[in-house]
Amino acid sequence: MEEPLNREASETPGPTKAVLGFALAMSLIGACGLGSGGRSMSPPVDSDTLVSGQASTEVALAAERGAIALKEVIEADPNRSLLGASNVVVSGMLILGALMIVTRRKTTMWWCRQALIANMVWTALHTLSQVWQLSSGGQRLKETFGDELRLRAAEMNVQEELATSGEGILLSVAIVVGLFGALRILGYFWMLWRLQRSDIQAYMQVSDDLD
């Protein structure tokens, strides 16, 4: 009686490296999202506590003020808390999906697809919100960055009109934010495609048969 059971157990494939790697990636991304979402839901840090007071030159001090102003503008996003709470939800979906892969739940494939799609949508909304917030606080940032650039131009003996404008730096920051968001969305697309691997599909098919 034990021989057929042992044969059936030996024929059941264990998780491959691709399956374990996929589950690990989902859990790590989910854990990072939980931390980021938790920070977004907490009150912003007082700007006075961020000033180091160790800037040795006026240019360094201006650069420090620019970084703090940029942080304040991003944290002033009215959607910050809502996006933080939703980030906790979609990140939790990724972690739950990773656990379902390891434990071979029948609805694992469906859940993982929904989790990845939800994270893609959240990333797109978060990126758009940040870009919009940067444009809303643009005047303050342009003035802050402009002060830094004028000091740098004077330090390098460059004519002020030849220095890059504050608008150019603001545009560069917005482009970087947009590109980072686009890369994250492409990463989720890649994970959706990776989910269709034959060995992962075979592993999930076995979980369906076991259920």
Protein backbone atom coordinates (compact mmCIF):
# COMPACT_ATOMS: atom_id res chain seq x y z
CA MET A 1 0.00 0.00 0.00
CA GLU A 2 2.88 2.37 0.71
CA GLU A 3 4.63 1.83 -2.63
CA PRO A 4 2.04 3.67 -4.81
CA LEU A 5 1.96 6.54 -2.35
CA ASN A 6 5.74 6.79 -2.33
CA ARG A 7 5.82 6.66 -6.13
CA GLU A 8 3.23 9.43 -6.36
CA ALA A 9 5.16 11.60 -3.89
CA SER A 10 8.43 11.05 -5.79
CA GLU A 11 6.76 12.04 -9.08
CA THR A 12 5.57 15.36 -7.60
CA PRO A 13 8.19 17.95 -8.66
CA GLY A 14 9.52 20.32 -6.08
CA PRO A 15 9.93 24.05 -6.62
CA THR A 16 12.62 24.92 -9.17
CA LYS A 17 15.12 27.75 -8.86
CA ALA A 18 12.90 29.87 -11.11
CA VAL A 19 9.89 29.29 -8.85
CA LEU A 20 11.82 30.05 -5.66
CA GLY A 21 13.49 33.07 -7.28
CA PHE A 22 10.15 34.43 -8.41
CA ALA A 23 8.63 33.99 -4.95
CA LEU A 24 11.68 35.62 -3.34
CA ALA A 25 11.49 38.61 -5.72
CA MET A 26 7.81 39.13 -4.95
CA SER A 27 8.41 38.96 -1.20
CA LEU A 28 11.36 41.39 -1.32
CA ILE A 29 9.48 43.92 -3.46
CA GLY A 30 6.48 43.59 -1.18
CA ALA A 31 8.60 44.11 1.95
CA CYS A 32 10.18 47.25 0.48
CA GLY A 33 6.73 48.52 -0.47
CA LEU A 34 5.42 47.96 3.05
CA GLY A 35 8.28 50.01 4.50
CA SER A 36 7.85 52.78 1.96
CA GLY A 37 4.08 52.86 2.46
CA GLY A 38 4.49 53.04 6.23
CA ARG A 39 6.84 56.02 5.92
CA SER A 40 4.44 57.79 3.57
CA MET A 41 1.63 57.42 6.08
CA SER A 42 3.69 58.97 8.87
CA PRO A 43 3.94 62.77 9.38
CA PRO A 44 6.72 64.53 7.42
CA VAL A 45 9.99 65.16 9.25
CA ASP A 46 10.52 68.74 10.40
CA SER A 47 12.86 70.46 7.93
CA ASP A 48 14.83 72.10 10.74
CA THR A 49 16.03 68.69 11.88
CA LEU A 50 17.41 67.96 8.41
CA VAL A 51 19.82 70.89 8.31
CA SER A 52 23.25 69.51 9.18
CA GLY A 53 24.96 72.85 9.75
CA GLN A 54 28.18 71.31 8.40
CA ALA A 55 28.13 73.00 4.99
CA SER A 56 31.55 74.60 4.53
CA THR A 57 30.68 76.92 1.62
CA GLU A 58 27.73 78.94 0.43
CA VAL A 59 27.36 76.59 -2.53
CA ALA A 60 27.15 73.55 -0.26
CA LEU A 61 24.63 75.33 1.94
CA ALA A 62 22.54 76.25 -1.11
CA ALA A 63 22.68 72.64 -2.33
CA GLU A 64 21.52 71.46 1.10
CA ARG A 65 18.62 73.94 1.02
CA GLY A 66 17.67 72.71 -2.46
CA ALA A 67 17.56 69.08 -1.35
CA ILE A 68 15.42 69.97 1.67
CA ALA A 69 13.06 72.07 -0.46
CA LEU A 70 12.67 69.20 -2.92
CA LYS A 71 11.86 66.81 -0.05
CA GLU A 72 9.33 69.24 1.40
CA VAL A 73 7.56 69.70 -1.94
CA ILE A 74 7.28 65.94 -2.50
CA GLU A 75 6.06 65.32 1.05
CA ALA A 76 3.44 68.08 0.66
CA ASP A 77 1.62 65.92 -1.88
CA PRO A 78 -2.04 65.81 -0.73
CA ASN A 79 -2.24 62.22 -2.00
CA ARG A 80 0.76 61.10 0.05
CA SER A 81 -1.11 59.34 2.85
CA LEU A 82 -3.63 57.74 0.50
CA LEU A 83 -0.90 56.47 -1.80
CA GLY A 84 1.03 55.21 1.22
CA ALA A 85 -1.96 53.23 2.50
CA SER A 86 -2.63 51.77 -0.96
CA ASN A 87 1.06 50.90 -1.26
CA VAL A 88 0.77 48.83 1.92
CA VAL A 89 -2.21 46.97 0.40
CA VAL A 90 -0.64 46.18 -2.99
CA SER A 91 2.69 45.27 -1.36
CA GLY A 92 0.88 42.92 0.99
CA MET A 93 -0.69 41.29 -2.08
CA LEU A 94 2.82 40.55 -3.39
CA ILE A 95 3.93 38.97 -0.12
CA LEU A 96 0.76 36.89 0.08
CA GLY A 97 1.31 35.80 -3.53
CA ALA A 98 4.84 34.65 -2.67
CA LEU A 99 3.50 32.60 0.24
CA MET A 100 0.83 31.09 -2.01
CA ILE A 101 3.51 30.03 -4.50
CA VAL A 102 5.48 28.21 -1.82
CA THR A 103 2.39 26.57 -0.31
CA ARG A 104 0.86 25.71 -3.71
CA ARG A 105 -2.57 27.27 -3.47
CA LYS A 106 -5.05 26.62 -6.28
CA THR A 107 -5.61 30.31 -7.02
CA THR A 108 -1.91 31.24 -6.95
CA MET A 109 -1.60 32.13 -10.65
CA TRP A 110 -4.69 34.34 -10.59
CA TRP A 111 -3.64 36.07 -7.37
CA CYS A 112 -0.09 36.75 -8.59
CA ARG A 113 -1.40 38.32 -11.80
CA GLN A 114 -3.77 40.56 -9.85
CA ALA A 115 -1.01 41.56 -7.43
CA LEU A 116 1.40 42.51 -10.23
CA ILE A 117 -1.27 44.44 -12.14
CA ALA A 118 -2.29 46.27 -8.95
CA ASN A 119 1.32 47.28 -8.35
CA MET A 120 1.66 48.51 -11.93
CA VAL A 121 -1.42 50.69 -11.54
CA TRP A 122 -0.19 52.01 -8.19
CA THR A 123 3.25 52.83 -9.61
CA ALA A 124 1.68 54.76 -12.50
CA LEU A 125 -0.56 56.76 -10.14
CA HIS A 126 2.29 57.42 -7.72
CA THR A 127 4.57 58.64 -10.53
CA LEU A 128 1.91 60.94 -11.96
CA SER A 129 1.18 62.34 -8.51
CA GLN A 130 4.85 63.10 -7.87
CA VAL A 131 5.34 64.76 -11.26
CA TRP A 132 2.21 66.86 -10.71
CA GLN A 133 3.41 67.85 -7.24
CA LEU A 134 6.79 68.88 -8.63
CA SER A 135 5.08 71.10 -11.19
CA SER A 136 2.84 72.59 -8.47
CA GLY A 137 5.81 73.50 -6.26
CA GLY A 138 7.92 74.50 -9.21
CA GLN A 139 8.29 78.19 -8.41
CA ARG A 140 9.80 77.55 -4.99
CA LEU A 141 12.14 74.89 -6.35
CA LYS A 142 13.20 77.08 -9.27
CA GLU A 143 14.11 79.87 -6.86
CA THR A 144 15.99 77.51 -4.54
CA PHE A 145 17.89 75.79 -7.34
CA GLY A 146 18.47 79.13 -9.00
CA ASP A 147 20.28 80.42 -5.90
CA GLU A 148 22.55 77.38 -5.91
CA LEU A 149 23.30 77.73 -9.61
CA ARG A 150 24.10 81.43 -9.35
CA LEU A 151 26.57 80.68 -6.55
CA ARG A 152 28.13 77.87 -8.56
CA ALA A 153 28.40 80.11 -11.61
CA ALA A 154 30.09 82.81 -9.54
CA GLU A 155 32.45 80.27 -7.98
CA MET A 156 33.45 78.96 -11.43
CA ASN A 157 33.68 82.46 -12.92
CA VAL A 158 30.91 81.60 -15.38
CA GLN A 159 28.53 84.26 -16.57
CA GLU A 160 25.20 83.95 -14.79
CA GLU A 161 23.22 83.82 -18.02
CA LEU A 162 25.27 80.82 -19.16
CA ALA A 163 24.43 78.81 -16.07
CA THR A 164 21.69 76.19 -16.26
CA SER A 165 18.37 77.60 -15.13
CA GLY A 166 16.39 76.40 -12.14
CA GLU A 167 13.68 75.38 -14.59
CA GLY A 168 16.14 73.03 -16.27
CA ILE A 169 16.98 71.30 -13.00
CA LEU A 170 13.31 71.02 -12.09
CA LEU A 171 12.60 69.44 -15.48
CA SER A 172 15.51 67.05 -14.97
CA VAL A 173 14.12 65.95 -11.59
CA ALA A 174 10.67 65.37 -13.11
CA ILE A 175 12.21 63.33 -15.95
CA VAL A 176 14.16 61.18 -13.48
CA VAL A 177 11.00 60.55 -11.43
CA GLY A 178 9.09 59.62 -14.59
CA LEU A 179 11.84 57.31 -15.87
CA PHE A 180 12.11 55.57 -12.50
CA GLY A 181 8.36 54.96 -12.49
CA ALA A 182 8.46 53.68 -16.09
CA LEU A 183 11.28 51.26 -15.22
CA ARG A 184 9.30 49.91 -12.27
CA ILE A 185 6.27 49.34 -14.50
CA LEU A 186 8.47 47.53 -17.05
CA GLY A 187 9.79 45.39 -14.20
CA TYR A 188 6.26 44.33 -13.28
CA PHE A 189 5.54 43.59 -16.95
CA TRP A 190 8.64 41.39 -17.00
CA MET A 191 7.45 39.55 -13.91
CA LEU A 192 4.06 38.97 -15.55
CA TRP A 193 5.85 37.52 -18.57
CA ARG A 194 8.12 35.47 -16.28
CA LEU A 195 5.03 34.03 -14.64
CA GLN A 196 4.30 32.25 -17.93
CA ARG A 197 7.52 30.20 -17.82
CA SER A 198 6.93 26.52 -18.53
CA ASP A 199 8.49 25.30 -15.27
CA ILE A 200 6.46 27.75 -13.20
CA GLN A 201 3.31 26.79 -15.10
CA ALA A 202 4.07 23.09 -14.55
CA TYR A 203 4.63 23.69 -10.84
CA MET A 204 1.32 25.52 -10.57
CA GLN A 205 -0.45 22.80 -12.56
CA VAL A 206 0.75 20.24 -10.05
CA SER A 207 -0.65 22.41 -7.24
CA ASP A 208 -4.02 22.40 -9.00
CA ASP A 209 -3.90 18.60 -9.25
CA LEU A 210 -3.00 18.31 -5.56
CA ASP A 211 -5.97 20.46 -4.57
